[in-house]
Amino acid sequence: MSLRVLGVDPGLTRCGLGVVDVTANRRATLVEVGVVGTPADTPLDGRLLAIDVAVEQWLDRHSPDVLAVERVFSQLNVSTVMGTAQASGVVIAAAARRGIAVGLHTPTEVKAAVTGNGQADKGSVARMVVRILRLPEAPTPADAADALALAITHAWRSGLSAVATSSAASGSESRAAAAARAGQRTPAGSLTAAQKLWVQAEASARQAGHGRRHR
């Protein structure tokens, strides 16, 4: 069982979109990647509409379990921040209409998760995306690779894929698995049926690994 994540790198000029399937052992596989863009002279309503239509098409085509969207953060260029926030709002609203959970991640979180260095440059992120997804070359433009990095980050950092290494020897569950068993809610919302199955697969994979270590 795998978790399907749609990563979105929001922007008015270019909005990166990337879908990956991630298994319980953290193996990630590319499903599709692309960019939706609009000319700078397109009116704002037209630009937002183009993003909305594209995201709806991707949701129809791939039926992701969760969306991973870049969290808007402060920059010196206020207009860039506003554009990113507007594009993010369209994406989040599209997910909300379908009851799909959304995870927000800062660029620093994505860099740290994918490369191990929160200050890594875009080139380093793209190279690690190629390695993680076993691609022949980096997706272009950079927004596409960033969208894939967001999707990978969410799967790896969320409670659904995190393995508590400090308590692995005792066979403890991940935070999300424990929450599902106790009927609690995860930070991203209640688990979907697909996510519950994924948690079960994660637990089985971890138990198998634990058994091999003690042979």
N, C-alpha and C. Protein backbone atom coordinates (compact mmCIF):
# COMPACT_ATOMS: atom_id res chain seq x y z
N MET A 1 0.84 -1.19 0.00
CA MET A 1 0.00 0.00 0.00
C MET A 1 0.88 1.24 0.00
N SER A 2 0.50 2.23 -0.78
CA SER A 2 1.28 3.46 -0.86
C SER A 2 0.41 4.66 -0.55
N LEU A 3 1.06 5.74 -0.18
CA LEU A 3 0.40 7.02 0.06
C LEU A 3 0.65 7.89 -1.15
N ARG A 4 -0.41 8.41 -1.74
CA ARG A 4 -0.26 9.28 -2.92
C ARG A 4 -0.35 10.73 -2.49
N VAL A 5 0.69 11.49 -2.79
CA VAL A 5 0.77 12.89 -2.39
C VAL A 5 0.90 13.78 -3.62
N LEU A 6 0.09 14.82 -3.68
CA LEU A 6 0.22 15.85 -4.71
C LEU A 6 0.94 17.04 -4.10
N GLY A 7 2.14 17.30 -4.57
CA GLY A 7 2.89 18.45 -4.09
C GLY A 7 2.64 19.65 -4.99
N VAL A 8 2.49 20.82 -4.38
CA VAL A 8 2.22 22.04 -5.14
C VAL A 8 3.16 23.14 -4.69
N ASP A 9 3.94 23.65 -5.66
CA ASP A 9 4.79 24.82 -5.43
C ASP A 9 4.06 26.01 -6.02
N PRO A 10 3.31 26.77 -5.20
CA PRO A 10 2.39 27.78 -5.73
C PRO A 10 3.08 29.02 -6.27
N GLY A 11 2.47 29.59 -7.29
CA GLY A 11 2.97 30.82 -7.87
C GLY A 11 2.05 31.25 -8.99
N LEU A 12 1.94 32.53 -9.23
CA LEU A 12 1.06 33.02 -10.28
C LEU A 12 1.65 32.81 -11.67
N THR A 13 2.94 33.05 -11.82
CA THR A 13 3.57 32.87 -13.13
C THR A 13 3.77 31.40 -13.45
N ARG A 14 4.27 30.64 -12.48
CA ARG A 14 4.45 29.19 -12.64
C ARG A 14 4.02 28.51 -11.35
N CYS A 15 3.19 27.51 -11.48
CA CYS A 15 2.74 26.72 -10.32
C CYS A 15 3.17 25.28 -10.57
N GLY A 16 4.13 24.80 -9.77
CA GLY A 16 4.63 23.44 -9.94
C GLY A 16 3.69 22.42 -9.34
N LEU A 17 3.50 21.30 -10.05
CA LEU A 17 2.63 20.22 -9.59
C LEU A 17 3.37 18.90 -9.74
N GLY A 18 3.36 18.09 -8.68
CA GLY A 18 4.04 16.81 -8.75
C GLY A 18 3.35 15.77 -7.89
N VAL A 19 3.12 14.60 -8.45
CA VAL A 19 2.46 13.51 -7.73
C VAL A 19 3.46 12.38 -7.52
N VAL A 20 3.55 11.89 -6.28
CA VAL A 20 4.41 10.75 -5.98
C VAL A 20 3.64 9.74 -5.14
N ASP A 21 3.99 8.49 -5.29
CA ASP A 21 3.50 7.42 -4.44
C ASP A 21 4.64 7.03 -3.52
N VAL A 22 4.37 6.98 -2.21
CA VAL A 22 5.41 6.66 -1.23
C VAL A 22 4.94 5.47 -0.39
N THR A 23 5.77 4.44 -0.34
CA THR A 23 5.43 3.25 0.42
C THR A 23 5.89 3.39 1.87
N ALA A 24 5.50 2.41 2.69
CA ALA A 24 5.82 2.48 4.11
C ALA A 24 7.31 2.45 4.39
N ASN A 25 8.10 1.90 3.47
CA ASN A 25 9.56 1.88 3.67
C ASN A 25 10.23 3.12 3.09
N ARG A 26 9.42 4.17 2.77
CA ARG A 26 9.88 5.47 2.32
C ARG A 26 10.33 5.49 0.85
N ARG A 27 10.08 4.43 0.13
CA ARG A 27 10.43 4.41 -1.29
C ARG A 27 9.42 5.25 -2.06
N ALA A 28 9.90 6.25 -2.78
CA ALA A 28 9.03 7.17 -3.51
C ALA A 28 9.14 6.94 -5.01
N THR A 29 7.99 7.00 -5.68
CA THR A 29 7.93 6.77 -7.12
C THR A 29 7.18 7.91 -7.80
N LEU A 30 7.73 8.42 -8.88
CA LEU A 30 7.08 9.49 -9.63
C LEU A 30 5.83 8.98 -10.35
N VAL A 31 4.76 9.76 -10.25
CA VAL A 31 3.53 9.48 -10.99
C VAL A 31 3.39 10.47 -12.15
N GLU A 32 3.48 11.76 -11.84
CA GLU A 32 3.43 12.80 -12.87
C GLU A 32 3.98 14.09 -12.30
N VAL A 33 4.56 14.89 -13.16
CA VAL A 33 5.07 16.19 -12.75
C VAL A 33 4.86 17.18 -13.88
N GLY A 34 4.59 18.43 -13.54
CA GLY A 34 4.37 19.44 -14.56
C GLY A 34 4.25 20.83 -13.95
N VAL A 35 4.01 21.80 -14.79
CA VAL A 35 3.88 23.18 -14.36
C VAL A 35 2.73 23.83 -15.11
N VAL A 36 1.90 24.58 -14.40
CA VAL A 36 0.88 25.40 -15.05
C VAL A 36 1.32 26.85 -14.95
N GLY A 37 1.29 27.55 -16.07
CA GLY A 37 1.77 28.93 -16.05
C GLY A 37 0.86 29.87 -16.80
N THR A 38 0.97 31.14 -16.47
CA THR A 38 0.21 32.17 -17.16
C THR A 38 1.12 33.37 -17.42
N PRO A 39 0.93 34.06 -18.54
CA PRO A 39 1.74 35.24 -18.84
C PRO A 39 1.56 36.32 -17.78
N ALA A 40 2.60 37.11 -17.57
CA ALA A 40 2.56 38.15 -16.54
C ALA A 40 1.49 39.19 -16.80
N ASP A 41 1.09 39.37 -18.08
CA ASP A 41 0.09 40.38 -18.38
C ASP A 41 -1.34 39.86 -18.29
N THR A 42 -1.51 38.60 -17.88
CA THR A 42 -2.85 38.06 -17.70
C THR A 42 -3.48 38.66 -16.45
N PRO A 43 -4.74 39.08 -16.50
CA PRO A 43 -5.40 39.63 -15.30
C PRO A 43 -5.38 38.61 -14.16
N LEU A 44 -5.37 39.12 -12.94
CA LEU A 44 -5.27 38.25 -11.77
C LEU A 44 -6.35 37.19 -11.75
N ASP A 45 -7.60 37.57 -12.07
CA ASP A 45 -8.66 36.57 -12.02
C ASP A 45 -8.41 35.45 -13.02
N GLY A 46 -7.85 35.79 -14.18
CA GLY A 46 -7.55 34.77 -15.17
C GLY A 46 -6.42 33.85 -14.73
N ARG A 47 -5.46 34.40 -14.03
CA ARG A 47 -4.32 33.60 -13.56
C ARG A 47 -4.78 32.61 -12.49
N LEU A 48 -5.60 33.10 -11.57
CA LEU A 48 -6.10 32.22 -10.51
C LEU A 48 -7.03 31.15 -11.08
N LEU A 49 -7.82 31.52 -12.08
CA LEU A 49 -8.71 30.55 -12.71
C LEU A 49 -7.91 29.45 -13.39
N ALA A 50 -6.82 29.82 -14.05
CA ALA A 50 -5.98 28.82 -14.73
C ALA A 50 -5.42 27.82 -13.72
N ILE A 51 -4.98 28.31 -12.57
CA ILE A 51 -4.46 27.43 -11.53
C ILE A 51 -5.56 26.52 -11.00
N ASP A 52 -6.73 27.09 -10.76
CA ASP A 52 -7.86 26.32 -10.25
C ASP A 52 -8.24 25.19 -11.20
N VAL A 53 -8.34 25.51 -12.50
CA VAL A 53 -8.70 24.50 -13.48
C VAL A 53 -7.65 23.39 -13.54
N ALA A 54 -6.37 23.77 -13.52
CA ALA A 54 -5.30 22.78 -13.59
C ALA A 54 -5.30 21.86 -12.37
N VAL A 55 -5.45 22.45 -11.18
CA VAL A 55 -5.45 21.65 -9.96
C VAL A 55 -6.63 20.68 -9.95
N GLU A 56 -7.79 21.15 -10.39
CA GLU A 56 -8.97 20.27 -10.45
C GLU A 56 -8.71 19.10 -11.40
N GLN A 57 -8.06 19.36 -12.51
CA GLN A 57 -7.75 18.28 -13.46
C GLN A 57 -6.79 17.27 -12.84
N TRP A 58 -5.79 17.76 -12.12
CA TRP A 58 -4.84 16.86 -11.48
C TRP A 58 -5.52 16.03 -10.39
N LEU A 59 -6.43 16.65 -9.64
CA LEU A 59 -7.15 15.92 -8.61
C LEU A 59 -8.03 14.84 -9.23
N ASP A 60 -8.68 15.17 -10.34
CA ASP A 60 -9.51 14.18 -11.04
C ASP A 60 -8.66 13.03 -11.55
N ARG A 61 -7.50 13.35 -12.08
CA ARG A 61 -6.66 12.35 -12.73
C ARG A 61 -5.96 11.43 -11.75
N HIS A 62 -5.57 11.96 -10.59
CA HIS A 62 -4.72 11.18 -9.69
C HIS A 62 -5.34 10.82 -8.33
N SER A 63 -6.41 11.48 -7.93
CA SER A 63 -7.08 11.19 -6.65
C SER A 63 -6.07 11.03 -5.50
N PRO A 64 -5.31 12.08 -5.19
CA PRO A 64 -4.30 11.96 -4.11
C PRO A 64 -4.94 11.80 -2.74
N ASP A 65 -4.21 11.19 -1.83
CA ASP A 65 -4.67 11.05 -0.45
C ASP A 65 -4.50 12.36 0.31
N VAL A 66 -3.51 13.15 -0.07
CA VAL A 66 -3.20 14.38 0.65
C VAL A 66 -2.46 15.34 -0.29
N LEU A 67 -2.56 16.63 -0.02
CA LEU A 67 -1.80 17.64 -0.76
C LEU A 67 -0.72 18.21 0.13
N ALA A 68 0.43 18.50 -0.45
CA ALA A 68 1.52 19.17 0.25
C ALA A 68 1.77 20.48 -0.46
N VAL A 69 1.62 21.60 0.25
CA VAL A 69 1.73 22.92 -0.34
C VAL A 69 2.79 23.73 0.39
N GLU A 70 3.55 24.52 -0.37
CA GLU A 70 4.56 25.35 0.28
C GLU A 70 3.89 26.40 1.16
N ARG A 71 4.37 26.51 2.38
CA ARG A 71 3.84 27.50 3.31
C ARG A 71 4.38 28.89 2.94
N VAL A 72 3.47 29.85 2.88
CA VAL A 72 3.88 31.21 2.55
C VAL A 72 4.71 31.78 3.70
N PHE A 73 5.84 32.39 3.37
CA PHE A 73 6.69 32.97 4.40
C PHE A 73 7.10 34.38 3.99
N SER A 74 7.56 35.15 4.94
CA SER A 74 7.87 36.56 4.69
C SER A 74 9.08 36.72 3.79
N GLN A 75 8.95 37.61 2.82
CA GLN A 75 10.06 37.96 1.95
C GLN A 75 10.10 39.47 1.80
N LEU A 76 11.20 39.98 1.27
CA LEU A 76 11.28 41.41 1.03
C LEU A 76 10.35 41.84 -0.09
N ASN A 77 10.13 40.95 -1.06
CA ASN A 77 9.27 41.25 -2.19
C ASN A 77 7.82 40.95 -1.81
N VAL A 78 7.09 41.96 -1.38
CA VAL A 78 5.71 41.77 -0.91
C VAL A 78 4.80 41.26 -2.01
N SER A 79 5.00 41.73 -3.24
CA SER A 79 4.14 41.31 -4.34
C SER A 79 4.29 39.81 -4.61
N THR A 80 5.50 39.29 -4.45
CA THR A 80 5.73 37.86 -4.64
C THR A 80 5.01 37.06 -3.56
N VAL A 81 5.07 37.54 -2.32
CA VAL A 81 4.38 36.87 -1.22
C VAL A 81 2.87 36.86 -1.46
N MET A 82 2.34 37.98 -1.91
CA MET A 82 0.91 38.07 -2.16
C MET A 82 0.49 37.10 -3.26
N GLY A 83 1.27 37.03 -4.32
CA GLY A 83 0.94 36.13 -5.42
C GLY A 83 0.98 34.67 -4.97
N THR A 84 1.99 34.32 -4.19
CA THR A 84 2.11 32.96 -3.67
C THR A 84 0.93 32.62 -2.77
N ALA A 85 0.55 33.57 -1.91
CA ALA A 85 -0.58 33.36 -1.01
C ALA A 85 -1.88 33.18 -1.77
N GLN A 86 -2.08 33.98 -2.82
CA GLN A 86 -3.30 33.86 -3.61
C GLN A 86 -3.38 32.51 -4.32
N ALA A 87 -2.25 32.07 -4.89
CA ALA A 87 -2.23 30.78 -5.56
C ALA A 87 -2.44 29.65 -4.56
N SER A 88 -1.84 29.77 -3.38
CA SER A 88 -2.01 28.76 -2.34
C SER A 88 -3.47 28.64 -1.93
N GLY A 89 -4.14 29.79 -1.80
CA GLY A 89 -5.55 29.78 -1.40
C GLY A 89 -6.41 29.02 -2.39
N VAL A 90 -6.14 29.18 -3.68
CA VAL A 90 -6.89 28.46 -4.70
C VAL A 90 -6.68 26.96 -4.57
N VAL A 91 -5.44 26.56 -4.36
CA VAL A 91 -5.10 25.13 -4.24
C VAL A 91 -5.76 24.53 -3.00
N ILE A 92 -5.65 25.22 -1.87
CA ILE A 92 -6.20 24.70 -0.62
C ILE A 92 -7.72 24.60 -0.71
N ALA A 93 -8.36 25.58 -1.36
CA ALA A 93 -9.81 25.55 -1.52
C ALA A 93 -10.23 24.36 -2.38
N ALA A 94 -9.46 24.07 -3.44
CA ALA A 94 -9.77 22.93 -4.30
C ALA A 94 -9.72 21.63 -3.52
N ALA A 95 -8.70 21.50 -2.65
CA ALA A 95 -8.60 20.30 -1.82
C ALA A 95 -9.76 20.23 -0.83
N ALA A 96 -10.12 21.37 -0.25
CA ALA A 96 -11.20 21.40 0.75
C ALA A 96 -12.53 20.97 0.15
N ARG A 97 -12.78 21.33 -1.11
CA ARG A 97 -14.03 20.94 -1.76
C ARG A 97 -14.18 19.44 -1.85
N ARG A 98 -13.05 18.73 -1.86
CA ARG A 98 -13.08 17.27 -1.98
C ARG A 98 -12.79 16.57 -0.66
N GLY A 99 -12.60 17.34 0.39
CA GLY A 99 -12.31 16.75 1.68
C GLY A 99 -10.93 16.14 1.78
N ILE A 100 -9.97 16.67 1.00
CA ILE A 100 -8.61 16.16 1.01
C ILE A 100 -7.76 17.00 1.97
N ALA A 101 -7.03 16.33 2.84
CA ALA A 101 -6.18 17.03 3.80
C ALA A 101 -5.04 17.75 3.10
N VAL A 102 -4.59 18.85 3.69
CA VAL A 102 -3.49 19.65 3.13
C VAL A 102 -2.41 19.83 4.19
N GLY A 103 -1.17 19.55 3.82
CA GLY A 103 -0.04 19.79 4.71
C GLY A 103 0.78 20.96 4.17
N LEU A 104 1.19 21.87 5.05
CA LEU A 104 1.97 23.04 4.66
C LEU A 104 3.40 22.90 5.17
N HIS A 105 4.36 23.17 4.29
CA HIS A 105 5.77 23.02 4.65
C HIS A 105 6.57 24.21 4.13
N THR A 106 7.45 24.72 4.97
CA THR A 106 8.30 25.84 4.56
C THR A 106 9.42 25.34 3.65
N PRO A 107 10.01 26.22 2.85
CA PRO A 107 11.15 25.81 2.02
C PRO A 107 12.29 25.21 2.85
N THR A 108 12.53 25.74 4.02
CA THR A 108 13.60 25.21 4.87
C THR A 108 13.31 23.77 5.28
N GLU A 109 12.06 23.49 5.63
CA GLU A 109 11.67 22.12 6.00
C GLU A 109 11.88 21.17 4.83
N VAL A 110 11.52 21.61 3.65
CA VAL A 110 11.66 20.76 2.46
C VAL A 110 13.13 20.48 2.18
N LYS A 111 13.96 21.51 2.23
CA LYS A 111 15.39 21.33 1.98
C LYS A 111 16.01 20.37 2.99
N ALA A 112 15.63 20.54 4.26
CA ALA A 112 16.18 19.68 5.31
C ALA A 112 15.75 18.23 5.14
N ALA A 113 14.48 18.04 4.78
CA ALA A 113 13.96 16.68 4.63
C ALA A 113 14.58 15.95 3.45
N VAL A 114 14.76 16.66 2.34
CA VAL A 114 15.22 16.02 1.11
C VAL A 114 16.75 15.93 1.02
N THR A 115 17.45 16.97 1.48
CA THR A 115 18.91 16.99 1.35
C THR A 115 19.65 16.83 2.67
N GLY A 116 18.95 17.05 3.79
CA GLY A 116 19.61 17.02 5.08
C GLY A 116 20.20 18.36 5.47
N ASN A 117 20.03 19.36 4.61
CA ASN A 117 20.56 20.69 4.86
C ASN A 117 19.48 21.73 4.58
N GLY A 118 19.03 22.41 5.63
CA GLY A 118 17.97 23.39 5.49
C GLY A 118 18.36 24.62 4.69
N GLN A 119 19.65 24.78 4.39
CA GLN A 119 20.12 25.92 3.61
C GLN A 119 20.54 25.52 2.19
N ALA A 120 20.18 24.33 1.78
CA ALA A 120 20.59 23.84 0.45
C ALA A 120 20.00 24.71 -0.65
N ASP A 121 20.69 24.77 -1.79
CA ASP A 121 20.18 25.55 -2.91
C ASP A 121 19.25 24.68 -3.77
N LYS A 122 18.61 25.32 -4.75
CA LYS A 122 17.64 24.61 -5.58
C LYS A 122 18.30 23.49 -6.38
N GLY A 123 19.53 23.70 -6.78
CA GLY A 123 20.22 22.66 -7.52
C GLY A 123 20.40 21.39 -6.71
N SER A 124 20.74 21.57 -5.44
CA SER A 124 20.92 20.41 -4.56
C SER A 124 19.60 19.68 -4.35
N VAL A 125 18.52 20.43 -4.19
CA VAL A 125 17.20 19.83 -4.01
C VAL A 125 16.83 19.03 -5.26
N ALA A 126 17.05 19.62 -6.43
CA ALA A 126 16.71 18.94 -7.69
C ALA A 126 17.52 17.65 -7.85
N ARG A 127 18.78 17.68 -7.49
CA ARG A 127 19.62 16.49 -7.63
C ARG A 127 19.14 15.38 -6.69
N MET A 128 18.72 15.73 -5.48
CA MET A 128 18.23 14.73 -4.55
C MET A 128 16.87 14.19 -4.99
N VAL A 129 16.05 15.02 -5.60
CA VAL A 129 14.77 14.54 -6.14
C VAL A 129 15.02 13.49 -7.22
N VAL A 130 16.01 13.76 -8.07
CA VAL A 130 16.39 12.80 -9.11
C VAL A 130 16.81 11.48 -8.48
N ARG A 131 17.62 11.57 -7.44
CA ARG A 131 18.13 10.36 -6.79
C ARG A 131 17.02 9.60 -6.07
N ILE A 132 16.19 10.32 -5.34
CA ILE A 132 15.11 9.68 -4.56
C ILE A 132 14.10 9.00 -5.47
N LEU A 133 13.76 9.66 -6.57
CA LEU A 133 12.73 9.13 -7.47
C LEU A 133 13.31 8.28 -8.61
N ARG A 134 14.66 8.18 -8.63
CA ARG A 134 15.33 7.34 -9.64
C ARG A 134 15.02 7.84 -11.05
N LEU A 135 15.17 9.14 -11.26
CA LEU A 135 14.86 9.76 -12.54
C LEU A 135 16.12 9.89 -13.40
N PRO A 136 15.98 9.92 -14.71
CA PRO A 136 17.15 10.09 -15.57
C PRO A 136 17.72 11.50 -15.53
N GLU A 137 16.87 12.48 -15.22
CA GLU A 137 17.31 13.88 -15.14
C GLU A 137 16.33 14.67 -14.30
N ALA A 138 16.72 15.87 -13.90
CA ALA A 138 15.88 16.70 -13.04
C ALA A 138 14.73 17.30 -13.84
N PRO A 139 13.52 17.31 -13.28
CA PRO A 139 12.40 17.96 -13.95
C PRO A 139 12.65 19.45 -14.06
N THR A 140 12.19 20.05 -15.13
CA THR A 140 12.33 21.49 -15.32
C THR A 140 10.97 22.09 -15.66
N PRO A 141 10.76 23.37 -15.31
CA PRO A 141 11.66 24.25 -14.56
C PRO A 141 11.77 23.85 -13.10
N ALA A 142 12.47 24.66 -12.31
CA ALA A 142 12.73 24.32 -10.91
C ALA A 142 11.44 24.15 -10.11
N ASP A 143 10.38 24.84 -10.52
CA ASP A 143 9.10 24.74 -9.79
C ASP A 143 8.59 23.29 -9.80
N ALA A 144 8.85 22.56 -10.87
CA ALA A 144 8.41 21.17 -10.97
C ALA A 144 9.14 20.30 -9.95
N ALA A 145 10.47 20.46 -9.90
CA ALA A 145 11.26 19.70 -8.93
C ALA A 145 10.88 20.07 -7.50
N ASP A 146 10.60 21.35 -7.27
CA ASP A 146 10.20 21.79 -5.92
C ASP A 146 8.88 21.15 -5.51
N ALA A 147 7.95 20.99 -6.46
CA ALA A 147 6.67 20.37 -6.15
C ALA A 147 6.87 18.91 -5.73
N LEU A 148 7.76 18.21 -6.42
CA LEU A 148 8.06 16.82 -6.05
C LEU A 148 8.72 16.75 -4.69
N ALA A 149 9.62 17.69 -4.42
CA ALA A 149 10.29 17.72 -3.12
C ALA A 149 9.28 17.95 -2.00
N LEU A 150 8.29 18.78 -2.25
CA LEU A 150 7.23 19.02 -1.26
C LEU A 150 6.46 17.73 -0.98
N ALA A 151 6.11 17.01 -2.03
CA ALA A 151 5.37 15.76 -1.87
C ALA A 151 6.17 14.74 -1.07
N ILE A 152 7.45 14.61 -1.41
CA ILE A 152 8.32 13.67 -0.70
C ILE A 152 8.44 14.07 0.77
N THR A 153 8.64 15.36 1.00
CA THR A 153 8.78 15.86 2.36
C THR A 153 7.57 15.53 3.20
N HIS A 154 6.38 15.76 2.65
CA HIS A 154 5.18 15.51 3.44
C HIS A 154 5.07 14.04 3.82
N ALA A 155 5.34 13.16 2.88
CA ALA A 155 5.25 11.73 3.17
C ALA A 155 6.28 11.30 4.20
N TRP A 156 7.49 11.85 4.11
CA TRP A 156 8.56 11.45 5.01
C TRP A 156 8.41 12.07 6.40
N ARG A 157 7.90 13.30 6.46
CA ARG A 157 7.84 14.00 7.74
C ARG A 157 6.52 13.83 8.47
N SER A 158 5.49 13.40 7.77
CA SER A 158 4.19 13.24 8.41
C SER A 158 4.21 12.06 9.35
N GLY A 159 3.23 12.02 10.25
CA GLY A 159 3.14 10.91 11.19
C GLY A 159 2.91 9.59 10.50
N LEU A 160 2.40 9.61 9.26
CA LEU A 160 2.10 8.37 8.56
C LEU A 160 3.36 7.63 8.13
N SER A 161 4.47 8.35 7.95
CA SER A 161 5.68 7.68 7.48
C SER A 161 6.82 7.72 8.48
N ALA A 162 6.64 8.50 9.55
CA ALA A 162 7.72 8.64 10.51
C ALA A 162 7.83 7.40 11.39
N VAL A 163 9.02 6.93 11.59
CA VAL A 163 9.26 5.79 12.47
C VAL A 163 10.08 6.28 13.65
N ALA A 164 9.58 6.06 14.83
CA ALA A 164 10.27 6.53 16.02
C ALA A 164 11.48 5.64 16.29
N THR A 165 12.63 6.03 15.79
CA THR A 165 13.81 5.18 15.89
C THR A 165 14.23 4.93 17.34
N SER A 166 13.95 5.91 18.19
CA SER A 166 14.38 5.74 19.57
C SER A 166 13.63 4.63 20.27
N SER A 167 12.43 4.28 19.76
CA SER A 167 11.64 3.23 20.42
C SER A 167 11.33 2.08 19.48
N ALA A 168 12.08 1.99 18.37
CA ALA A 168 11.82 0.94 17.39
C ALA A 168 12.03 -0.45 17.99
N ALA A 169 13.03 -0.56 18.86
CA ALA A 169 13.33 -1.88 19.44
C ALA A 169 12.17 -2.43 20.25
N SER A 170 11.36 -1.54 20.81
CA SER A 170 10.23 -2.00 21.61
C SER A 170 8.99 -2.20 20.76
N GLY A 171 9.13 -1.98 19.42
CA GLY A 171 8.00 -2.19 18.53
C GLY A 171 6.92 -1.15 18.67
N SER A 172 7.27 0.06 19.10
CA SER A 172 6.26 1.10 19.27
C SER A 172 5.75 1.56 17.93
N GLU A 173 4.54 2.15 17.92
CA GLU A 173 3.92 2.61 16.69
C GLU A 173 4.33 4.03 16.38
N SER A 174 4.13 4.44 15.12
CA SER A 174 4.32 5.83 14.75
C SER A 174 3.21 6.65 15.38
N ARG A 175 3.38 7.98 15.41
CA ARG A 175 2.37 8.84 16.01
C ARG A 175 1.02 8.67 15.33
N ALA A 176 1.01 8.60 13.99
CA ALA A 176 -0.25 8.49 13.28
C ALA A 176 -0.89 7.13 13.52
N ALA A 177 -0.07 6.06 13.57
CA ALA A 177 -0.63 4.74 13.81
C ALA A 177 -1.27 4.68 15.18
N ALA A 178 -0.59 5.25 16.18
CA ALA A 178 -1.15 5.27 17.52
C ALA A 178 -2.43 6.09 17.58
N ALA A 179 -2.44 7.20 16.87
CA ALA A 179 -3.63 8.04 16.85
C ALA A 179 -4.79 7.33 16.19
N ALA A 180 -4.49 6.60 15.10
CA ALA A 180 -5.55 5.88 14.41
C ALA A 180 -6.13 4.79 15.31
N ARG A 181 -5.26 4.10 16.03
CA ARG A 181 -5.72 3.02 16.89
C ARG A 181 -6.55 3.56 18.04
N ALA A 182 -6.20 4.75 18.52
CA ALA A 182 -6.92 5.34 19.66
C ALA A 182 -8.11 6.17 19.22
N GLY A 183 -8.32 6.28 17.90
CA GLY A 183 -9.44 7.06 17.41
C GLY A 183 -9.22 8.55 17.52
N GLN A 184 -7.95 8.98 17.59
CA GLN A 184 -7.64 10.39 17.69
C GLN A 184 -7.47 10.98 16.31
N ARG A 185 -7.28 12.31 16.25
CA ARG A 185 -7.07 13.00 14.99
C ARG A 185 -5.61 13.38 14.87
N THR A 186 -5.10 13.29 13.63
CA THR A 186 -3.75 13.75 13.37
C THR A 186 -3.79 15.23 13.07
N PRO A 187 -2.65 15.94 13.12
CA PRO A 187 -2.65 17.37 12.83
C PRO A 187 -3.28 17.70 11.48
N ALA A 188 -3.17 16.82 10.49
CA ALA A 188 -3.71 17.10 9.16
C ALA A 188 -5.19 16.74 9.06
N GLY A 189 -5.77 16.21 10.14
CA GLY A 189 -7.18 15.82 10.10
C GLY A 189 -7.31 14.33 10.30
N SER A 190 -8.54 13.83 10.29
CA SER A 190 -8.77 12.42 10.52
C SER A 190 -8.25 11.61 9.33
N LEU A 191 -7.83 10.37 9.60
CA LEU A 191 -7.25 9.53 8.57
C LEU A 191 -8.31 9.05 7.60
N THR A 192 -7.94 9.04 6.32
CA THR A 192 -8.82 8.47 5.32
C THR A 192 -8.66 6.95 5.35
N ALA A 193 -9.54 6.25 4.62
CA ALA A 193 -9.45 4.79 4.58
C ALA A 193 -8.12 4.36 3.98
N ALA A 194 -7.69 5.06 2.92
CA ALA A 194 -6.40 4.72 2.30
C ALA A 194 -5.24 4.94 3.26
N GLN A 195 -5.31 6.03 4.04
CA GLN A 195 -4.24 6.32 4.98
C GLN A 195 -4.18 5.30 6.10
N LYS A 196 -5.35 4.82 6.54
CA LYS A 196 -5.37 3.79 7.59
C LYS A 196 -4.70 2.50 7.11
N LEU A 197 -5.00 2.13 5.85
CA LEU A 197 -4.37 0.94 5.28
C LEU A 197 -2.87 1.14 5.17
N TRP A 198 -2.47 2.39 4.84
CA TRP A 198 -1.05 2.70 4.70
C TRP A 198 -0.35 2.59 6.05
N VAL A 199 -1.02 3.03 7.11
CA VAL A 199 -0.46 2.92 8.46
C VAL A 199 -0.25 1.45 8.82
N GLN A 200 -1.22 0.60 8.46
CA GLN A 200 -1.10 -0.82 8.74
C GLN A 200 0.08 -1.42 7.99
N ALA A 201 0.25 -1.00 6.73
CA ALA A 201 1.38 -1.50 5.94
C ALA A 201 2.69 -1.05 6.55
N GLU A 202 2.73 0.19 7.04
CA GLU A 202 3.93 0.73 7.68
C GLU A 202 4.30 -0.11 8.90
N ALA A 203 3.29 -0.45 9.71
CA ALA A 203 3.54 -1.25 10.91
C ALA A 203 4.07 -2.63 10.55
N SER A 204 3.52 -3.24 9.50
CA SER A 204 3.97 -4.56 9.08
C SER A 204 5.40 -4.52 8.59
N ALA A 205 5.73 -3.48 7.81
CA ALA A 205 7.09 -3.34 7.30
C ALA A 205 8.08 -3.17 8.43
N ARG A 206 7.69 -2.38 9.45
CA ARG A 206 8.58 -2.13 10.57
C ARG A 206 8.79 -3.40 11.40
N GLN A 207 7.72 -4.19 11.58
CA GLN A 207 7.83 -5.43 12.34
C GLN A 207 8.73 -6.42 11.62
N ALA A 208 8.61 -6.46 10.27
CA ALA A 208 9.45 -7.37 9.49
C ALA A 208 10.92 -6.99 9.63
N GLY A 209 11.19 -5.70 9.57
CA GLY A 209 12.57 -5.21 9.74
C GLY A 209 13.10 -5.52 11.12
N HIS A 210 12.23 -5.39 12.13
CA HIS A 210 12.63 -5.67 13.51
C HIS A 210 12.98 -7.14 13.66
N GLY A 211 12.19 -8.01 12.98
CA GLY A 211 12.45 -9.43 13.07
C GLY A 211 13.78 -9.81 12.43
N ARG A 212 14.09 -9.18 11.28
CA ARG A 212 15.36 -9.48 10.61
C ARG A 212 16.56 -9.09 11.44
N ARG A 213 16.42 -7.98 12.19
CA ARG A 213 17.55 -7.53 13.00
C ARG A 213 17.85 -8.47 14.15
N HIS A 214 16.84 -9.25 14.56
CA HIS A 214 17.04 -10.10 15.74
C HIS A 214 17.20 -11.59 15.37
N ARG A 215 17.42 -11.86 14.09
CA ARG A 215 17.68 -13.24 13.70
C ARG A 215 19.09 -13.67 14.08
